[in-house]
PDB file of N, CA and C in Angstrom:
ATOM      1  N   PHE A   1     107.514  97.694 122.924  1.00  0.00           N
ATOM      2  CA  PHE A   1     106.240  97.727 122.228  1.00  0.00           C
ATOM      3  C   PHE A   1     105.432  96.473 122.519  1.00  0.00           C
ATOM      4  N   TYR A   2     106.078  95.323 122.475  1.00  0.00           N
ATOM      5  CA  TYR A   2     105.374  94.067 122.705  1.00  0.00           C
ATOM      6  C   TYR A   2     104.916  93.907 124.147  1.00  0.00           C
ATOM      7  N   LEU A   3     105.485  94.660 125.044  1.00  0.00           N
ATOM      8  CA  LEU A   3     105.059  94.636 126.441  1.00  0.00           C
ATOM      9  C   LEU A   3     103.928  95.628 126.694  1.00  0.00           C
ATOM     10  N   LYS A   4     103.423  96.212 125.625  1.00  0.00           N
ATOM     11  CA  LYS A   4     102.324  97.187 125.667  1.00  0.00           C
ATOM     12  C   LYS A   4     102.713  98.460 126.409  1.00  0.00           C
ATOM     13  N   GLN A   5     103.986  98.742 126.429  1.00  0.00           N
ATOM     14  CA  GLN A   5     104.463 100.021 126.962  1.00  0.00           C
ATOM     15  C   GLN A   5     104.573 100.970 125.771  1.00  0.00           C
ATOM     16  N   TRP A   6     103.395 101.254 125.186  1.00  0.00           N
ATOM     17  CA  TRP A   6     103.347 101.937 123.910  1.00  0.00           C
ATOM     18  C   TRP A   6     103.858 103.370 123.969  1.00  0.00           C
ATOM     19  N   GLU A   7     103.601 104.068 125.048  1.00  0.00           N
ATOM     20  CA  GLU A   7     104.077 105.459 125.154  1.00  0.00           C
ATOM     21  C   GLU A   7     105.605 105.514 125.107  1.00  0.00           C
ATOM     22  N   ILE A   8     106.244 104.627 125.839  1.00  0.00           N
ATOM     23  CA  ILE A   8     107.711 104.578 125.865  1.00  0.00           C
ATOM     24  C   ILE A   8     108.243 104.160 124.503  1.00  0.00           C
ATOM     25  N   ALA A   9     107.619 103.127 123.936  1.00  0.00           N
ATOM     26  CA  ALA A   9     108.048 102.654 122.618  1.00  0.00           C
ATOM     27  C   ALA A   9     107.875 103.753 121.577  1.00  0.00           C
ATOM     28  N   HIS A  10     106.756 104.452 121.634  1.00  0.00           N
ATOM     29  CA  HIS A  10     106.511 105.530 120.668  1.00  0.00           C
ATOM     30  C   HIS A  10     107.591 106.602 120.763  1.00  0.00           C
ATOM     31  N   ALA A  11     107.949 106.987 121.961  1.00  0.00           N
ATOM     32  CA  ALA A  11     109.002 107.990 122.141  1.00  0.00           C
ATOM     33  C   ALA A  11     110.325 107.482 121.572  1.00  0.00           C
ATOM     34  N   ASN A  12     110.625 106.209 121.798  1.00  0.00           N
ATOM     35  CA  ASN A  12     111.867 105.634 121.267  1.00  0.00           C
ATOM     36  C   ASN A  12     111.855 105.598 119.741  1.00  0.00           C
ATOM     37  N   PHE A  13     110.723 105.239 119.143  1.00  0.00           N
ATOM     38  CA  PHE A  13     110.642 105.185 117.681  1.00  0.00           C
ATOM     39  C   PHE A  13     110.713 106.580 117.066  1.00  0.00           C
ATOM     40  N   LYS A  14     110.126 107.569 117.724  1.00  0.00           N
ATOM     41  CA  LYS A  14     110.235 108.944 117.233  1.00  0.00           C
ATOM     42  C   LYS A  14     111.691 109.399 117.278  1.00  0.00           C
ATOM     43  N   ASN A  15     112.358 109.072 118.376  1.00  0.00           N
ATOM     44  CA  ASN A  15     113.766 109.426 118.520  1.00  0.00           C
ATOM     45  C   ASN A  15     114.610 108.725 117.450  1.00  0.00           C
ATOM     46  N   ALA A  16     114.344 107.449 117.234  1.00  0.00           N
ATOM     47  CA  ALA A  16     115.083 106.687 116.215  1.00  0.00           C
ATOM     48  C   ALA A  16     114.884 107.295 114.837  1.00  0.00           C
ATOM     49  N   TYR A  17     113.670 107.719 114.547  1.00  0.00           N
ATOM     50  CA  TYR A  17     113.390 108.324 113.242  1.00  0.00           C
ATOM     51  C   TYR A  17     114.216 109.594 113.051  1.00  0.00           C
ATOM     52  N   HIS A  18     114.280 110.408 114.078  1.00  0.00           N
ATOM     53  CA  HIS A  18     114.982 111.696 113.962  1.00  0.00           C
ATOM     54  C   HIS A  18     116.502 111.565 113.986  1.00  0.00           C
ATOM     55  N   THR A  19     117.017 110.515 114.600  1.00  0.00           N
ATOM     56  CA  THR A  19     118.470 110.383 114.701  1.00  0.00           C
ATOM     57  C   THR A  19     119.068 109.446 113.655  1.00  0.00           C
ATOM     58  N   ALA A  20     118.249 108.602 113.053  1.00  0.00           N
ATOM     59  CA  ALA A  20     118.768 107.620 112.085  1.00  0.00           C
ATOM     60  C   ALA A  20     119.223 108.304 110.803  1.00  0.00           C
ATOM     61  N   ARG A  21     120.222 107.716 110.208  1.00  0.00           N
ATOM     62  CA  ARG A  21     120.715 108.216 108.922  1.00  0.00           C
ATOM     63  C   ARG A  21     120.303 107.313 107.775  1.00  0.00           C
ATOM     64  N   GLU A  22     120.120 106.040 108.077  1.00  0.00           N
ATOM     65  CA  GLU A  22     119.762 105.082 107.044  1.00  0.00           C
ATOM     66  C   GLU A  22     118.253 105.086 106.810  1.00  0.00           C
ATOM     67  N   THR A  23     117.877 105.070 105.553  1.00  0.00           N
ATOM     68  CA  THR A  23     116.468 105.098 105.183  1.00  0.00           C
ATOM     69  C   THR A  23     115.707 103.925 105.781  1.00  0.00           C
ATOM     70  N   GLU A  24     116.298 102.743 105.755  1.00  0.00           N
ATOM     71  CA  GLU A  24     115.600 101.563 106.276  1.00  0.00           C
ATOM     72  C   GLU A  24     115.301 101.687 107.767  1.00  0.00           C
ATOM     73  N   VAL A  25     116.206 102.284 108.512  1.00  0.00           N
ATOM     74  CA  VAL A  25     115.979 102.472 109.951  1.00  0.00           C
ATOM     75  C   VAL A  25     114.866 103.488 110.163  1.00  0.00           C
ATOM     76  N   LYS A  26     114.889 104.565 109.387  1.00  0.00           N
ATOM     77  CA  LYS A  26     113.841 105.576 109.481  1.00  0.00           C
ATOM     78  C   LYS A  26     112.479 104.961 109.162  1.00  0.00           C
ATOM     79  N   GLU A  27     112.433 104.128 108.110  1.00  0.00           N
ATOM     80  CA  GLU A  27     111.177 103.501 107.726  1.00  0.00           C
ATOM     81  C   GLU A  27     110.675 102.540 108.799  1.00  0.00           C
ATOM     82  N   GLN A  28     111.579 101.781 109.407  1.00  0.00           N
ATOM     83  CA  GLN A  28     111.184 100.888 110.495  1.00  0.00           C
ATOM     84  C   GLN A  28     110.611 101.693 111.664  1.00  0.00           C
ATOM     85  N   ALA A  29     111.246 102.806 111.973  1.00  0.00           N
ATOM     86  CA  ALA A  29     110.766 103.653 113.065  1.00  0.00           C
ATOM     87  C   ALA A  29     109.366 104.187 112.748  1.00  0.00           C
ATOM     88  N   LEU A  30     109.138 104.594 111.502  1.00  0.00           N
ATOM     89  CA  LEU A  30     107.809 105.058 111.103  1.00  0.00           C
ATOM     90  C   LEU A  30     106.784 103.934 111.187  1.00  0.00           C
ATOM     91  N   TYR A  31     107.189 102.760 110.716  1.00  0.00           N
ATOM     92  CA  TYR A  31     106.302 101.605 110.728  1.00  0.00           C
ATOM     93  C   TYR A  31     105.779 101.330 112.138  1.00  0.00           C
ATOM     94  N   TRP A  32     106.675 101.336 113.104  1.00  0.00           N
ATOM     95  CA  TRP A  32     106.262 101.050 114.477  1.00  0.00           C
ATOM     96  C   TRP A  32     105.493 102.213 115.098  1.00  0.00           C
ATOM     97  N   GLN A  33     105.756 103.428 114.644  1.00  0.00           N
ATOM     98  CA  GLN A  33     104.940 104.545 115.097  1.00  0.00           C
ATOM     99  C   GLN A  33     103.504 104.374 114.609  1.00  0.00           C
ATOM    100  N   ALA A  34     103.349 103.885 113.390  1.00  0.00           N
ATOM    101  CA  ALA A  34     102.006 103.648 112.853  1.00  0.00           C
ATOM    102  C   ALA A  34     101.266 102.619 113.700  1.00  0.00           C
ATOM    103  N   TRP A  35     101.964 101.564 114.119  1.00  0.00           N
ATOM    104  CA  TRP A  35     101.331 100.569 114.988  1.00  0.00           C
ATOM    105  C   TRP A  35     100.933 101.189 116.321  1.00  0.00           C
ATOM    106  N   TYR A  36     101.767 102.085 116.818  1.00  0.00           N
ATOM    107  CA  TYR A  36     101.407 102.781 118.055  1.00  0.00           C
ATOM    108  C   TYR A  36     100.076 103.506 117.864  1.00  0.00           C
ATOM    109  N   TYR A  37      99.957 104.276 116.778  1.00  0.00           N
ATOM    110  CA  TYR A  37      98.727 105.024 116.532  1.00  0.00           C
ATOM    111  C   TYR A  37      97.540 104.084 116.348  1.00  0.00           C
ATOM    112  N   TYR A  38      97.767 102.972 115.690  1.00  0.00           N
ATOM    113  CA  TYR A  38      96.697 101.981 115.515  1.00  0.00           C
ATOM    114  C   TYR A  38      96.225 101.471 116.875  1.00  0.00           C
ATOM    115  N   ASN A  39      97.156 101.125 117.725  1.00  0.00           N
ATOM    116  CA  ASN A  39      96.801 100.618 119.056  1.00  0.00           C
ATOM    117  C   ASN A  39      96.142 101.664 119.941  1.00  0.00           C
ATOM    118  N   GLU A  40      96.421 102.913 119.690  1.00  0.00           N
ATOM    119  CA  GLU A  40      95.812 104.006 120.440  1.00  0.00           C
ATOM    120  C   GLU A  40      94.504 104.478 119.796  1.00  0.00           C
ATOM    121  N   ASP A  41      94.062 103.759 118.767  1.00  0.00           N
ATOM    122  CA  ASP A  41      92.821 104.063 118.049  1.00  0.00           C
ATOM    123  C   ASP A  41      92.883 105.420 117.338  1.00  0.00           C
ATOM    124  N   LYS A  42      94.078 105.813 116.946  1.00  0.00           N
ATOM    125  CA  LYS A  42      94.278 107.028 116.148  1.00  0.00           C
ATOM    126  C   LYS A  42      94.461 106.565 114.705  1.00  0.00           C
ATOM    127  N   LEU A  43      93.350 106.081 114.153  1.00  0.00           N
ATOM    128  CA  LEU A  43      93.401 105.369 112.881  1.00  0.00           C
ATOM    129  C   LEU A  43      93.798 106.255 111.703  1.00  0.00           C
ATOM    130  N   ASP A  44      93.372 107.504 111.694  1.00  0.00           N
ATOM    131  CA  ASP A  44      93.742 108.395 110.594  1.00  0.00           C
ATOM    132  C   ASP A  44      95.253 108.572 110.520  1.00  0.00           C
ATOM    133  N   ARG A  45      95.869 108.769 111.664  1.00  0.00           N
ATOM    134  CA  ARG A  45      97.335 108.954 111.712  1.00  0.00           C
ATOM    135  C   ARG A  45      98.049 107.663 111.324  1.00  0.00           C
ATOM    136  N   ALA A  46      97.558 106.520 111.792  1.00  0.00           N
ATOM    137  CA  ALA A  46      98.156 105.234 111.420  1.00  0.00           C
ATOM    138  C   ALA A  46      98.085 105.036 109.919  1.00  0.00           C
ATOM    139  N   LEU A  47      96.932 105.309 109.331  1.00  0.00           N
ATOM    140  CA  LEU A  47      96.767 105.144 107.886  1.00  0.00           C
ATOM    141  C   LEU A  47      97.693 106.081 107.118  1.00  0.00           C
ATOM    142  N   GLU A  48      97.834 107.294 107.597  1.00  0.00           N
ATOM    143  CA  GLU A  48      98.722 108.265 106.952  1.00  0.00           C
ATOM    144  C   GLU A  48     100.158 107.730 106.878  1.00  0.00           C
ATOM    145  N   ILE A  49     100.629 107.164 107.965  1.00  0.00           N
ATOM    146  CA  ILE A  49     102.002 106.654 107.992  1.00  0.00           C
ATOM    147  C   ILE A  49     102.135 105.390 107.153  1.00  0.00           C
ATOM    148  N   PHE A  50     101.197 104.452 107.291  1.00  0.00           N
ATOM    149  CA  PHE A  50     101.277 103.239 106.473  1.00  0.00           C
ATOM    150  C   PHE A  50     101.238 103.589 104.983  1.00  0.00           C
ATOM    151  N   THR A  51     100.441 104.587 104.616  1.00  0.00           N
ATOM    152  CA  THR A  51     100.374 105.025 103.219  1.00  0.00           C
ATOM    153  C   THR A  51     101.713 105.594 102.761  1.00  0.00           C
ATOM    154  N   GLN A  52     102.371 106.331 103.634  1.00  0.00           N
ATOM    155  CA  GLN A  52     103.706 106.860 103.330  1.00  0.00           C
ATOM    156  C   GLN A  52     104.680 105.740 102.986  1.00  0.00           C
ATOM    157  N   LEU A  53     104.512 104.607 103.637  1.00  0.00           N
ATOM    158  CA  LEU A  53     105.452 103.495 103.490  1.00  0.00           C
ATOM    159  C   LEU A  53     105.136 102.584 102.307  1.00  0.00           C
ATOM    160  N   LEU A  54     104.114 102.896 101.533  1.00  0.00           N
ATOM    161  CA  LEU A  54     103.774 102.057 100.381  1.00  0.00           C
ATOM    162  C   LEU A  54     104.877 102.024  99.332  1.00  0.00           C
ATOM    163  N   ASP A  55     105.719 103.051  99.295  1.00  0.00           N
ATOM    164  CA  ASP A  55     106.832 103.101  98.341  1.00  0.00           C
ATOM    165  C   ASP A  55     108.135 102.551  98.909  1.00  0.00           C
ATOM    166  N   SER A  56     108.095 102.058 100.122  1.00  0.00           N
ATOM    167  CA  SER A  56     109.295 101.526 100.772  1.00  0.00           C
ATOM    168  C   SER A  56     109.799 100.282 100.044  1.00  0.00           C
ATOM    169  N   LYS A  57     111.118 100.168  99.958  1.00  0.00           N
ATOM    170  CA  LYS A  57     111.718  98.979  99.334  1.00  0.00           C
ATOM    171  C   LYS A  57     111.539  97.743 100.200  1.00  0.00           C
ATOM    172  N   THR A  58     111.500  97.912 101.516  1.00  0.00           N
ATOM    173  CA  THR A  58     111.452  96.760 102.410  1.00  0.00           C
ATOM    174  C   THR A  58     110.110  96.586 103.126  1.00  0.00           C
ATOM    175  N   LEU A  59     109.291  97.628 103.188  1.00  0.00           N
ATOM    176  CA  LEU A  59     108.065  97.543 103.985  1.00  0.00           C
ATOM    177  C   LEU A  59     106.780  97.763 103.183  1.00  0.00           C
ATOM    178  N   SER A  60     106.877  97.829 101.867  1.00  0.00           N
ATOM    179  CA  SER A  60     105.691  98.165 101.074  1.00  0.00           C
ATOM    180  C   SER A  60     104.583  97.124 101.216  1.00  0.00           C
ATOM    181  N   GLU A  61     104.953  95.849 101.243  1.00  0.00           N
ATOM    182  CA  GLU A  61     103.942  94.802 101.368  1.00  0.00           C
ATOM    183  C   GLU A  61     103.221  94.888 102.709  1.00  0.00           C
ATOM    184  N   GLU A  62     103.984  95.037 103.791  1.00  0.00           N
ATOM    185  CA  GLU A  62     103.386  95.168 105.115  1.00  0.00           C
ATOM    186  C   GLU A  62     102.539  96.439 105.209  1.00  0.00           C
ATOM    187  N   ALA A  63     103.040  97.515 104.612  1.00  0.00           N
ATOM    188  CA  ALA A  63     102.312  98.780 104.654  1.00  0.00           C
ATOM    189  C   ALA A  63     100.969  98.657 103.931  1.00  0.00           C
ATOM    190  N   GLY A  64     100.958  97.963 102.809  1.00  0.00           N
ATOM    191  CA  GLY A  64      99.703  97.766 102.086  1.00  0.00           C
ATOM    192  C   GLY A  64      98.719  96.939 102.888  1.00  0.00           C
ATOM    193  N   TYR A  65      99.195  95.861 103.451  1.00  0.00           N
ATOM    194  CA  TYR A  65      98.350  94.995 104.270  1.00  0.00           C
ATOM    195  C   TYR A  65      97.812  95.753 105.479  1.00  0.00           C
ATOM    196  N   ASN A  66      98.688  96.481 106.158  1.00  0.00           N
ATOM    197  CA  ASN A  66      98.274  97.199 107.359  1.00  0.00           C
ATOM    198  C   ASN A  66      97.366  98.374 107.042  1.00  0.00           C
ATOM    199  N   SER A  67      97.536  98.973 105.873  1.00  0.00           N
ATOM    200  CA  SER A  67      96.612 100.030 105.448  1.00  0.00           C
ATOM    201  C   SER A  67      95.204  99.456 105.323  1.00  0.00           C
ATOM    202  N   ALA A  68      95.115  98.253 104.769  1.00  0.00           N
ATOM    203  CA  ALA A  68      93.813  97.595 104.649  1.00  0.00           C
ATOM    204  C   ALA A  68      93.221  97.301 106.033  1.00  0.00           C
ATOM    205  N   LEU A  69      94.066  96.884 106.975  1.00  0.00           N
ATOM    206  CA  LEU A  69      93.590  96.656 108.348  1.00  0.00           C
ATOM    207  C   LEU A  69      93.018  97.930 108.961  1.00  0.00           C
ATOM    208  N   VAL A  70      93.710  99.033 108.748  1.00  0.00           N
ATOM    209  CA  VAL A  70      93.259 100.310 109.301  1.00  0.00           C
ATOM    210  C   VAL A  70      91.941 100.723 108.656  1.00  0.00           C
ATOM    211  N   LEU A  71      91.854 100.596 107.333  1.00  0.00           N
ATOM    212  CA  LEU A  71      90.610 100.960 106.649  1.00  0.00           C
ATOM    213  C   LEU A  71      89.445 100.109 107.147  1.00  0.00           C
ATOM    214  N   ASN A  72      89.702  98.836 107.375  1.00  0.00           N
ATOM    215  CA  ASN A  72      88.671  97.955 107.922  1.00  0.00           C
ATOM    216  C   ASN A  72      88.259  98.407 109.318  1.00  0.00           C
ATOM    217  N   ALA A  73      89.235  98.737 110.144  1.00  0.00           N
ATOM    218  CA  ALA A  73      88.953  99.202 111.501  1.00  0.00           C
ATOM    219  C   ALA A  73      88.152 100.514 111.470  1.00  0.00           C
ATOM    220  N   GLN A  74      88.491 101.395 110.540  1.00  0.00           N
ATOM    221  CA  GLN A  74      87.743 102.652 110.426  1.00  0.00           C
ATOM    222  C   GLN A  74      86.287 102.379 110.028  1.00  0.00           C
ATOM    223  N   GLY A  75      86.111 101.440 109.107  1.00  0.00           N
ATOM    224  CA  GLY A  75      84.751 101.083 108.690  1.00  0.00           C
ATOM    225  C   GLY A  75      83.946 100.486 109.824  1.00  0.00           C
ATOM    226  N   ASN A  76      84.579  99.619 110.594  1.00  0.00           N
ATOM    227  CA  ASN A  76      83.899  99.016 111.743  1.00  0.00           C
ATOM    228  C   ASN A  76      83.543 100.052 112.788  1.00  0.00           C
ATOM    229  N   LYS A  77      84.431 101.017 112.975  1.00  0.00           N
ATOM    230  CA  LYS A  77      84.197 102.070 113.963  1.00  0.00           C
ATOM    231  C   LYS A  77      83.013 102.956 113.546  1.00  0.00           C
ATOM    232  N   GLU A  78      82.923 103.235 112.234  1.00  0.00           N
ATOM    233  CA  GLU A  78      81.839 104.075 111.735  1.00  0.00           C
ATOM    234  C   GLU A  78      80.491 103.378 111.831  1.00  0.00           C
ATOM    235  N   ARG A  79      80.479 102.053 111.751  1.00  0.00           N
ATOM    236  CA  ARG A  79      79.227 101.294 111.788  1.00  0.00           C
ATOM    237  C   ARG A  79      78.653 101.190 113.199  1.00  0.00           C
ATOM    238  N   ARG A  80      79.460 101.453 114.210  1.00  0.00           N
ATOM    239  CA  ARG A  80      78.985 101.323 115.603  1.00  0.00           C
ATOM    240  C   ARG A  80      77.996 102.388 115.958  1.00  0.00           C
TER     241      ARG A  80
END
């Protein structure tokens, strides 16, 4: 993901989500999928996933912050 090989990373995170048994691993996989959508300018999908994670025990704070980032990006996009 950090090498900007987002398509490959996205496929790996989707696979991790479907094969993981632990909730925390599934949530991490979702979290990074949301970043993929954000980077691909698919803001509605990113917001949907970050919103899902607001109830997470380990990622709720990041999900709230990132939801605000997405909403800001959507507002900026609409103003163009």
